Amino acid sequence: MALSTVLRRYRYRLLGVAIAPLTLAVLPSVAHAHAITTDYRLLPERVNTLEIQSTFSEIESFPNAPVVVYSPNNPDQPWMTGTTDENGKFNFQPEPGVTGVWSVEIGEDSHWDQLDIPVGNRGIELDQISQGDRSPQLADHLANHSHAPITVAVASLILGSIATRRAVNRSKG
């Protein structure tokens, strides 16, 4: 059988096979849809002060984002609250003499980031800062919203298969 005959006979199936992966690639991903990126640096002009800057969707600052700081002495109660400035920046300076892991949360709901900032006897341990874990409630909230793209992808694949089958049946008859 010639290649042109095969292509003509199976063109709708080939089209469905080509479109299905594209459908999955185009759908938004929850992890990247509205991501907050947080960078930080020690300020050389201020002793033991960490400048934290959050950006929204990797390109624009995250101005006026709520910030909550938790002390290692009482990790369930906010030690301080505030907001980022117009450039998405917030300066964190731990209470002198309080060592342990401080937690800084920036943003709210699905636009949220957390840094765990270890503070030792010499101050902020820059090389030990890590991304914090989301609270279980927020993780559940985000997990519930992550099903929408999967549902759309599955529905698209099913509808595409049905449309392909109908087109193939029409071309035969």
N, C-alpha and C. Protein backbone atom coordinates (compact mmCIF):
# COMPACT_ATOMS: atom_id res chain seq x y z
N MET A 1 0.85 -1.17 0.00
CA MET A 1 0.00 0.00 0.00
C MET A 1 0.90 1.24 0.00
N ALA A 2 0.61 2.19 -0.86
CA ALA A 2 1.42 3.41 -0.98
C ALA A 2 1.22 4.30 0.23
N LEU A 3 2.24 5.08 0.54
CA LEU A 3 2.19 5.99 1.69
C LEU A 3 1.04 6.98 1.56
N SER A 4 0.80 7.48 0.36
CA SER A 4 -0.29 8.45 0.19
C SER A 4 -1.65 7.80 0.48
N THR A 5 -1.81 6.54 0.15
CA THR A 5 -3.06 5.82 0.43
C THR A 5 -3.23 5.63 1.94
N VAL A 6 -2.14 5.26 2.61
CA VAL A 6 -2.19 5.08 4.06
C VAL A 6 -2.52 6.41 4.74
N LEU A 7 -1.86 7.47 4.32
CA LEU A 7 -2.12 8.78 4.92
C LEU A 7 -3.56 9.22 4.69
N ARG A 8 -4.08 9.00 3.47
CA ARG A 8 -5.46 9.39 3.17
C ARG A 8 -6.43 8.56 4.00
N ARG A 9 -6.19 7.25 4.13
CA ARG A 9 -7.09 6.35 4.83
C ARG A 9 -7.10 6.65 6.33
N TYR A 10 -5.95 6.94 6.91
CA TYR A 10 -5.85 7.10 8.36
C TYR A 10 -5.62 8.56 8.79
N ARG A 11 -5.94 9.50 7.90
CA ARG A 11 -5.65 10.91 8.20
C ARG A 11 -6.33 11.40 9.48
N TYR A 12 -7.55 10.97 9.74
CA TYR A 12 -8.25 11.44 10.94
C TYR A 12 -7.64 10.84 12.21
N ARG A 13 -7.24 9.60 12.13
CA ARG A 13 -6.58 8.99 13.30
C ARG A 13 -5.24 9.66 13.56
N LEU A 14 -4.50 9.91 12.48
CA LEU A 14 -3.21 10.58 12.64
C LEU A 14 -3.40 11.99 13.21
N LEU A 15 -4.44 12.67 12.75
CA LEU A 15 -4.73 13.99 13.27
C LEU A 15 -5.04 13.94 14.76
N GLY A 16 -5.84 12.94 15.16
CA GLY A 16 -6.16 12.77 16.59
C GLY A 16 -4.93 12.49 17.41
N VAL A 17 -4.04 11.65 16.90
CA VAL A 17 -2.79 11.33 17.60
C VAL A 17 -1.92 12.57 17.73
N ALA A 18 -1.91 13.42 16.71
CA ALA A 18 -1.09 14.63 16.75
C ALA A 18 -1.67 15.68 17.69
N ILE A 19 -2.98 15.78 17.75
CA ILE A 19 -3.63 16.82 18.57
C ILE A 19 -3.64 16.47 20.04
N ALA A 20 -3.78 15.21 20.41
CA ALA A 20 -3.89 14.81 21.82
C ALA A 20 -2.72 15.32 22.67
N PRO A 21 -1.46 15.11 22.28
CA PRO A 21 -0.37 15.62 23.12
C PRO A 21 -0.34 17.15 23.17
N LEU A 22 -0.74 17.80 22.08
CA LEU A 22 -0.78 19.25 22.08
C LEU A 22 -1.80 19.78 23.08
N THR A 23 -2.92 19.08 23.20
CA THR A 23 -3.94 19.47 24.16
C THR A 23 -3.37 19.45 25.56
N LEU A 24 -2.63 18.41 25.88
CA LEU A 24 -2.03 18.31 27.22
C LEU A 24 -0.97 19.38 27.43
N ALA A 25 -0.21 19.71 26.40
CA ALA A 25 0.86 20.69 26.54
C ALA A 25 0.33 22.10 26.71
N VAL A 26 -0.81 22.40 26.10
CA VAL A 26 -1.36 23.75 26.15
C VAL A 26 -2.09 24.04 27.46
N LEU A 27 -2.59 23.03 28.12
CA LEU A 27 -3.36 23.25 29.34
C LEU A 27 -2.50 23.87 30.42
N PRO A 28 -3.06 24.79 31.21
CA PRO A 28 -2.26 25.41 32.26
C PRO A 28 -1.92 24.43 33.37
N SER A 29 -0.82 24.67 34.00
CA SER A 29 -0.38 23.85 35.12
C SER A 29 -0.59 24.63 36.40
N VAL A 30 -1.14 24.00 37.40
CA VAL A 30 -1.39 24.67 38.67
C VAL A 30 -0.10 25.15 39.30
N ALA A 31 0.95 24.37 39.18
CA ALA A 31 2.21 24.72 39.83
C ALA A 31 2.82 25.98 39.24
N HIS A 32 2.52 26.28 37.96
CA HIS A 32 3.15 27.42 37.33
C HIS A 32 2.18 28.53 36.96
N ALA A 33 0.91 28.33 37.17
CA ALA A 33 -0.08 29.30 36.70
C ALA A 33 0.11 30.67 37.33
N HIS A 34 0.24 30.74 38.61
CA HIS A 34 0.40 32.01 39.31
C HIS A 34 1.48 31.85 40.37
N ALA A 35 2.64 31.43 39.94
CA ALA A 35 3.71 31.11 40.89
C ALA A 35 4.31 32.36 41.51
N ILE A 36 4.67 32.23 42.76
CA ILE A 36 5.40 33.28 43.47
C ILE A 36 6.85 32.82 43.53
N THR A 37 7.75 33.67 43.11
CA THR A 37 9.18 33.41 43.21
C THR A 37 9.74 34.34 44.27
N THR A 38 10.48 33.78 45.21
CA THR A 38 11.03 34.60 46.29
C THR A 38 12.55 34.50 46.28
N ASP A 39 13.19 35.65 46.19
CA ASP A 39 14.64 35.75 46.26
C ASP A 39 15.00 36.49 47.55
N TYR A 40 16.23 36.34 47.98
CA TYR A 40 16.65 37.00 49.21
C TYR A 40 18.15 37.26 49.18
N ARG A 41 18.56 38.25 49.98
CA ARG A 41 19.98 38.56 50.13
C ARG A 41 20.19 39.27 51.46
N LEU A 42 21.38 39.09 52.04
CA LEU A 42 21.73 39.83 53.24
C LEU A 42 22.07 41.25 52.83
N LEU A 43 21.55 42.21 53.57
CA LEU A 43 21.86 43.60 53.28
C LEU A 43 23.21 43.95 53.92
N PRO A 44 24.17 44.39 53.13
CA PRO A 44 25.48 44.70 53.71
C PRO A 44 25.46 45.93 54.61
N GLU A 45 24.54 46.83 54.37
CA GLU A 45 24.48 48.06 55.15
C GLU A 45 23.71 47.93 56.47
N ARG A 46 23.02 46.81 56.66
CA ARG A 46 22.26 46.60 57.89
C ARG A 46 22.63 45.25 58.49
N VAL A 47 23.01 45.24 59.73
CA VAL A 47 23.46 44.03 60.40
C VAL A 47 22.31 43.02 60.54
N ASN A 48 22.59 41.78 60.12
CA ASN A 48 21.66 40.67 60.29
C ASN A 48 20.26 40.96 59.75
N THR A 49 20.20 41.59 58.56
CA THR A 49 18.92 41.90 57.93
C THR A 49 18.87 41.24 56.56
N LEU A 50 17.79 40.52 56.33
CA LEU A 50 17.58 39.81 55.08
C LEU A 50 16.55 40.57 54.26
N GLU A 51 16.94 40.94 53.04
CA GLU A 51 15.98 41.54 52.12
C GLU A 51 15.33 40.41 51.32
N ILE A 52 14.02 40.33 51.40
CA ILE A 52 13.26 39.30 50.71
C ILE A 52 12.45 39.99 49.61
N GLN A 53 12.52 39.45 48.40
CA GLN A 53 11.75 40.02 47.30
C GLN A 53 10.95 38.93 46.62
N SER A 54 9.64 39.16 46.51
CA SER A 54 8.75 38.20 45.85
C SER A 54 8.25 38.80 44.55
N THR A 55 8.22 37.94 43.54
CA THR A 55 7.67 38.34 42.25
C THR A 55 6.53 37.40 41.92
N PHE A 56 5.59 37.92 41.18
CA PHE A 56 4.37 37.20 40.81
C PHE A 56 4.52 36.76 39.36
N SER A 57 4.29 35.50 39.10
CA SER A 57 4.39 34.94 37.74
C SER A 57 5.74 35.22 37.10
N GLU A 58 6.78 35.29 37.90
CA GLU A 58 8.17 35.41 37.49
C GLU A 58 8.53 36.71 36.77
N ILE A 59 7.60 37.64 36.59
CA ILE A 59 7.95 38.84 35.82
C ILE A 59 7.59 40.16 36.51
N GLU A 60 6.64 40.16 37.40
CA GLU A 60 6.25 41.42 38.00
C GLU A 60 6.37 41.33 39.52
N SER A 61 6.62 42.48 40.13
CA SER A 61 6.76 42.48 41.59
C SER A 61 5.43 42.11 42.23
N PHE A 62 5.50 41.71 43.48
CA PHE A 62 4.31 41.32 44.24
C PHE A 62 4.10 42.37 45.33
N PRO A 63 3.58 43.55 44.94
CA PRO A 63 3.44 44.65 45.90
C PRO A 63 2.32 44.42 46.90
N ASN A 64 2.51 44.96 48.09
CA ASN A 64 1.50 44.92 49.15
C ASN A 64 1.05 43.51 49.52
N ALA A 65 1.91 42.55 49.30
CA ALA A 65 1.58 41.17 49.68
C ALA A 65 1.66 41.04 51.19
N PRO A 66 0.71 40.35 51.81
CA PRO A 66 0.79 40.16 53.25
C PRO A 66 2.01 39.31 53.62
N VAL A 67 2.67 39.69 54.70
CA VAL A 67 3.83 38.96 55.20
C VAL A 67 3.57 38.64 56.67
N VAL A 68 3.80 37.38 57.04
CA VAL A 68 3.66 36.95 58.43
C VAL A 68 4.96 36.27 58.83
N VAL A 69 5.54 36.70 59.95
CA VAL A 69 6.79 36.14 60.45
C VAL A 69 6.50 35.39 61.75
N TYR A 70 7.03 34.16 61.82
CA TYR A 70 6.87 33.33 63.03
C TYR A 70 8.23 33.10 63.66
N SER A 71 8.30 33.28 64.96
CA SER A 71 9.52 33.09 65.73
C SER A 71 9.68 31.62 66.10
N PRO A 72 10.92 31.15 66.26
CA PRO A 72 11.11 29.76 66.72
C PRO A 72 10.62 29.56 68.15
N ASN A 73 10.51 30.64 68.92
CA ASN A 73 10.02 30.54 70.30
C ASN A 73 8.53 30.24 70.38
N ASN A 74 7.77 30.67 69.37
CA ASN A 74 6.33 30.47 69.35
C ASN A 74 5.87 30.34 67.89
N PRO A 75 6.10 29.17 67.27
CA PRO A 75 5.83 29.02 65.84
C PRO A 75 4.35 29.02 65.45
N ASP A 76 3.44 29.04 66.43
CA ASP A 76 2.01 29.04 66.11
C ASP A 76 1.39 30.43 66.13
N GLN A 77 2.10 31.40 66.69
CA GLN A 77 1.59 32.76 66.78
C GLN A 77 2.49 33.70 65.98
N PRO A 78 1.90 34.58 65.16
CA PRO A 78 2.73 35.52 64.40
C PRO A 78 3.57 36.39 65.34
N TRP A 79 4.84 36.52 65.04
CA TRP A 79 5.74 37.39 65.77
C TRP A 79 5.62 38.81 65.22
N MET A 80 5.35 38.88 63.90
CA MET A 80 5.22 40.16 63.23
C MET A 80 4.41 39.98 61.96
N THR A 81 3.65 40.98 61.60
CA THR A 81 2.94 40.99 60.32
C THR A 81 3.28 42.27 59.59
N GLY A 82 3.16 42.25 58.29
CA GLY A 82 3.45 43.44 57.49
C GLY A 82 3.05 43.17 56.05
N THR A 83 3.57 43.99 55.15
CA THR A 83 3.33 43.82 53.72
C THR A 83 4.62 44.13 52.96
N THR A 84 4.69 43.60 51.76
CA THR A 84 5.82 43.95 50.90
C THR A 84 5.63 45.38 50.39
N ASP A 85 6.71 46.02 49.98
CA ASP A 85 6.60 47.37 49.43
C ASP A 85 6.14 47.30 47.97
N GLU A 86 6.18 48.42 47.27
CA GLU A 86 5.70 48.47 45.88
C GLU A 86 6.56 47.62 44.93
N ASN A 87 7.76 47.24 45.38
CA ASN A 87 8.64 46.38 44.57
C ASN A 87 8.61 44.92 45.02
N GLY A 88 7.69 44.59 45.92
CA GLY A 88 7.59 43.22 46.41
C GLY A 88 8.67 42.87 47.43
N LYS A 89 9.28 43.89 48.04
CA LYS A 89 10.37 43.65 48.99
C LYS A 89 9.90 43.79 50.43
N PHE A 90 10.56 43.01 51.29
CA PHE A 90 10.29 43.04 52.72
C PHE A 90 11.61 42.76 53.43
N ASN A 91 11.95 43.55 54.44
CA ASN A 91 13.17 43.32 55.20
C ASN A 91 12.85 42.56 56.48
N PHE A 92 13.59 41.48 56.69
CA PHE A 92 13.42 40.65 57.88
C PHE A 92 14.68 40.75 58.74
N GLN A 93 14.47 41.13 59.98
CA GLN A 93 15.56 41.17 60.96
C GLN A 93 15.07 40.44 62.21
N PRO A 94 15.65 39.27 62.50
CA PRO A 94 15.18 38.50 63.66
C PRO A 94 15.49 39.22 64.97
N GLU A 95 14.72 38.87 65.98
CA GLU A 95 14.95 39.43 67.31
C GLU A 95 16.33 39.00 67.79
N PRO A 96 17.14 39.94 68.25
CA PRO A 96 18.49 39.59 68.72
C PRO A 96 18.44 38.54 69.84
N GLY A 97 19.32 37.57 69.73
CA GLY A 97 19.42 36.53 70.75
C GLY A 97 18.48 35.36 70.59
N VAL A 98 17.53 35.44 69.65
CA VAL A 98 16.58 34.33 69.44
C VAL A 98 17.08 33.49 68.28
N THR A 99 17.59 32.30 68.61
CA THR A 99 18.11 31.40 67.58
C THR A 99 17.08 30.32 67.28
N GLY A 100 17.25 29.70 66.12
CA GLY A 100 16.33 28.66 65.67
C GLY A 100 15.83 29.00 64.28
N VAL A 101 14.82 28.28 63.84
CA VAL A 101 14.30 28.48 62.49
C VAL A 101 13.09 29.42 62.53
N TRP A 102 13.26 30.56 61.88
CA TRP A 102 12.18 31.53 61.73
C TRP A 102 11.44 31.20 60.43
N SER A 103 10.16 31.48 60.40
CA SER A 103 9.36 31.22 59.22
C SER A 103 8.76 32.53 58.71
N VAL A 104 8.93 32.79 57.41
CA VAL A 104 8.37 34.00 56.79
C VAL A 104 7.43 33.54 55.68
N GLU A 105 6.16 33.92 55.81
CA GLU A 105 5.15 33.60 54.79
C GLU A 105 4.80 34.87 54.04
N ILE A 106 4.77 34.76 52.72
CA ILE A 106 4.48 35.91 51.87
C ILE A 106 3.30 35.54 50.99
N GLY A 107 2.28 36.41 50.94
CA GLY A 107 1.12 36.18 50.10
C GLY A 107 0.03 35.45 50.84
N GLU A 108 -0.94 34.96 50.08
CA GLU A 108 -2.07 34.24 50.66
C GLU A 108 -2.72 33.36 49.61
N ASP A 109 -3.56 32.45 50.06
CA ASP A 109 -4.27 31.51 49.19
C ASP A 109 -3.30 30.80 48.26
N SER A 110 -3.57 30.81 46.96
CA SER A 110 -2.70 30.10 46.01
C SER A 110 -1.51 30.95 45.58
N HIS A 111 -1.48 32.21 45.95
CA HIS A 111 -0.34 33.10 45.67
C HIS A 111 0.45 33.23 46.96
N TRP A 112 1.31 32.27 47.23
CA TRP A 112 1.89 32.14 48.56
C TRP A 112 3.27 31.51 48.47
N ASP A 113 4.16 31.95 49.35
CA ASP A 113 5.48 31.34 49.46
C ASP A 113 5.91 31.39 50.92
N GLN A 114 6.81 30.50 51.29
CA GLN A 114 7.29 30.46 52.66
C GLN A 114 8.79 30.16 52.66
N LEU A 115 9.51 30.89 53.48
CA LEU A 115 10.93 30.62 53.68
C LEU A 115 11.15 30.22 55.13
N ASP A 116 11.98 29.19 55.32
CA ASP A 116 12.44 28.82 56.66
C ASP A 116 13.85 29.37 56.79
N ILE A 117 14.05 30.26 57.75
CA ILE A 117 15.30 30.99 57.88
C ILE A 117 15.98 30.62 59.19
N PRO A 118 17.03 29.80 59.13
CA PRO A 118 17.76 29.45 60.35
C PRO A 118 18.59 30.64 60.85
N VAL A 119 18.52 30.86 62.14
CA VAL A 119 19.32 31.91 62.77
C VAL A 119 20.13 31.26 63.88
N GLY A 120 21.45 31.40 63.77
CA GLY A 120 22.35 30.84 64.78
C GLY A 120 22.93 31.95 65.65
N ASN A 121 23.93 31.60 66.43
CA ASN A 121 24.57 32.59 67.33
C ASN A 121 25.23 33.72 66.56
N ARG A 122 25.62 33.46 65.31
CA ARG A 122 26.26 34.50 64.49
C ARG A 122 25.28 35.25 63.61
N GLY A 123 24.01 34.88 63.64
CA GLY A 123 23.00 35.57 62.85
C GLY A 123 22.35 34.66 61.82
N ILE A 124 21.79 35.27 60.78
CA ILE A 124 21.09 34.53 59.73
C ILE A 124 22.08 33.64 59.00
N GLU A 125 21.72 32.37 58.85
CA GLU A 125 22.55 31.40 58.14
C GLU A 125 22.05 31.30 56.70
N LEU A 126 22.56 32.20 55.88
CA LEU A 126 22.08 32.38 54.51
C LEU A 126 22.09 31.09 53.70
N ASP A 127 23.13 30.28 53.84
CA ASP A 127 23.25 29.06 53.04
C ASP A 127 22.32 27.93 53.51
N GLN A 128 21.61 28.15 54.62
CA GLN A 128 20.70 27.13 55.15
C GLN A 128 19.22 27.47 54.94
N ILE A 129 18.93 28.61 54.34
CA ILE A 129 17.54 29.01 54.10
C ILE A 129 16.90 28.03 53.12
N SER A 130 15.66 27.64 53.41
CA SER A 130 14.97 26.69 52.54
C SER A 130 13.52 27.12 52.32
N GLN A 131 12.97 26.53 51.29
CA GLN A 131 11.55 26.72 50.99
C GLN A 131 10.76 25.96 52.04
N GLY A 132 9.80 26.58 52.67
CA GLY A 132 9.00 25.93 53.69
C GLY A 132 7.90 25.08 53.09
N ASP A 133 7.33 24.23 53.92
CA ASP A 133 6.20 23.40 53.50
C ASP A 133 4.92 24.19 53.67
N ARG A 134 4.01 23.98 52.74
CA ARG A 134 2.70 24.62 52.85
C ARG A 134 1.90 23.96 53.95
N SER A 135 1.02 24.72 54.52
CA SER A 135 0.16 24.15 55.55
C SER A 135 -0.72 23.07 54.93
N PRO A 136 -1.15 22.07 55.70
CA PRO A 136 -2.00 21.01 55.14
C PRO A 136 -3.30 21.56 54.54
N GLN A 137 -3.86 22.60 55.15
CA GLN A 137 -5.10 23.15 54.61
C GLN A 137 -4.87 23.76 53.23
N LEU A 138 -3.77 24.48 53.07
CA LEU A 138 -3.48 25.09 51.78
C LEU A 138 -3.16 24.03 50.74
N ALA A 139 -2.44 23.00 51.15
CA ALA A 139 -2.12 21.91 50.23
C ALA A 139 -3.40 21.24 49.75
N ASP A 140 -4.36 21.02 50.64
CA ASP A 140 -5.64 20.43 50.24
C ASP A 140 -6.38 21.36 49.28
N HIS A 141 -6.36 22.66 49.59
CA HIS A 141 -7.03 23.65 48.75
C HIS A 141 -6.46 23.61 47.33
N LEU A 142 -5.13 23.60 47.21
CA LEU A 142 -4.50 23.59 45.90
C LEU A 142 -4.73 22.26 45.18
N ALA A 143 -4.72 21.17 45.93
CA ALA A 143 -4.95 19.86 45.31
C ALA A 143 -6.34 19.79 44.71
N ASN A 144 -7.32 20.38 45.37
CA ASN A 144 -8.69 20.36 44.84
C ASN A 144 -8.78 21.14 43.54
N HIS A 145 -8.00 22.21 43.41
CA HIS A 145 -8.04 23.01 42.20
C HIS A 145 -7.21 22.41 41.08
N SER A 146 -6.35 21.47 41.37
CA SER A 146 -5.49 20.91 40.34
C SER A 146 -6.22 19.90 39.47
N HIS A 147 -7.44 19.51 39.81
CA HIS A 147 -8.16 18.54 39.01
C HIS A 147 -8.77 19.15 37.76
N ALA A 148 -8.99 20.43 37.73
CA ALA A 148 -9.64 21.06 36.58
C ALA A 148 -8.87 20.85 35.29
N PRO A 149 -7.56 21.10 35.21
CA PRO A 149 -6.86 20.87 33.94
C PRO A 149 -6.89 19.41 33.51
N ILE A 150 -6.81 18.50 34.44
CA ILE A 150 -6.86 17.08 34.11
C ILE A 150 -8.22 16.72 33.53
N THR A 151 -9.29 17.24 34.14
CA THR A 151 -10.64 16.98 33.65
C THR A 151 -10.80 17.52 32.24
N VAL A 152 -10.31 18.71 31.99
CA VAL A 152 -10.40 19.30 30.65
C VAL A 152 -9.62 18.45 29.64
N ALA A 153 -8.45 17.98 30.02
CA ALA A 153 -7.63 17.16 29.12
C ALA A 153 -8.33 15.86 28.78
N VAL A 154 -8.87 15.19 29.79
CA VAL A 154 -9.56 13.92 29.55
C VAL A 154 -10.79 14.15 28.68
N ALA A 155 -11.56 15.19 28.98
CA ALA A 155 -12.75 15.48 28.18
C ALA A 155 -12.37 15.79 26.73
N SER A 156 -11.28 16.52 26.54
CA SER A 156 -10.82 16.84 25.18
C SER A 156 -10.43 15.59 24.42
N LEU A 157 -9.72 14.69 25.11
CA LEU A 157 -9.32 13.44 24.47
C LEU A 157 -10.53 12.59 24.09
N ILE A 158 -11.51 12.51 24.98
CA ILE A 158 -12.70 11.71 24.70
C ILE A 158 -13.48 12.31 23.53
N LEU A 159 -13.71 13.63 23.59
CA LEU A 159 -14.45 14.28 22.50
C LEU A 159 -13.69 14.18 21.18
N GLY A 160 -12.37 14.32 21.23
CA GLY A 160 -11.56 14.19 20.02
C GLY A 160 -11.64 12.79 19.44
N SER A 161 -11.66 11.79 20.31
CA SER A 161 -11.78 10.40 19.85
C SER A 161 -13.13 10.16 19.18
N ILE A 162 -14.18 10.68 19.80
CA ILE A 162 -15.52 10.51 19.23
C ILE A 162 -15.61 11.20 17.87
N ALA A 163 -15.09 12.42 17.79
CA ALA A 163 -15.13 13.16 16.52
C ALA A 163 -14.31 12.45 15.46
N THR A 164 -13.17 11.91 15.83
CA THR A 164 -12.33 11.18 14.88
C THR A 164 -13.04 9.94 14.37
N ARG A 165 -13.67 9.18 15.28
CA ARG A 165 -14.39 7.96 14.90
C ARG A 165 -15.52 8.29 13.93
N ARG A 166 -16.26 9.37 14.20
CA ARG A 166 -17.36 9.76 13.30
C ARG A 166 -16.84 10.16 11.93
N ALA A 167 -15.71 10.90 11.93
CA ALA A 167 -15.14 11.33 10.65
C ALA A 167 -14.65 10.13 9.84
N VAL A 168 -14.04 9.16 10.51
CA VAL A 168 -13.57 7.96 9.82
C VAL A 168 -14.75 7.18 9.27
N ASN A 169 -15.81 7.05 10.07
CA ASN A 169 -17.00 6.31 9.60
C ASN A 169 -17.65 7.00 8.40
N ARG A 170 -17.67 8.34 8.40
CA ARG A 170 -18.24 9.07 7.26
C ARG A 170 -17.42 8.87 6.01
N SER A 171 -16.10 8.85 6.17
CA SER A 171 -15.24 8.70 5.00
C SER A 171 -15.32 7.31 4.39
N LYS A 172 -15.69 6.33 5.19
CA LYS A 172 -15.84 4.95 4.70
C LYS A 172 -17.17 4.79 3.95
N GLY A 173 -18.17 5.55 4.41
CA GLY A 173 -19.52 5.33 3.85
C GLY A 173 -19.88 6.28 2.83
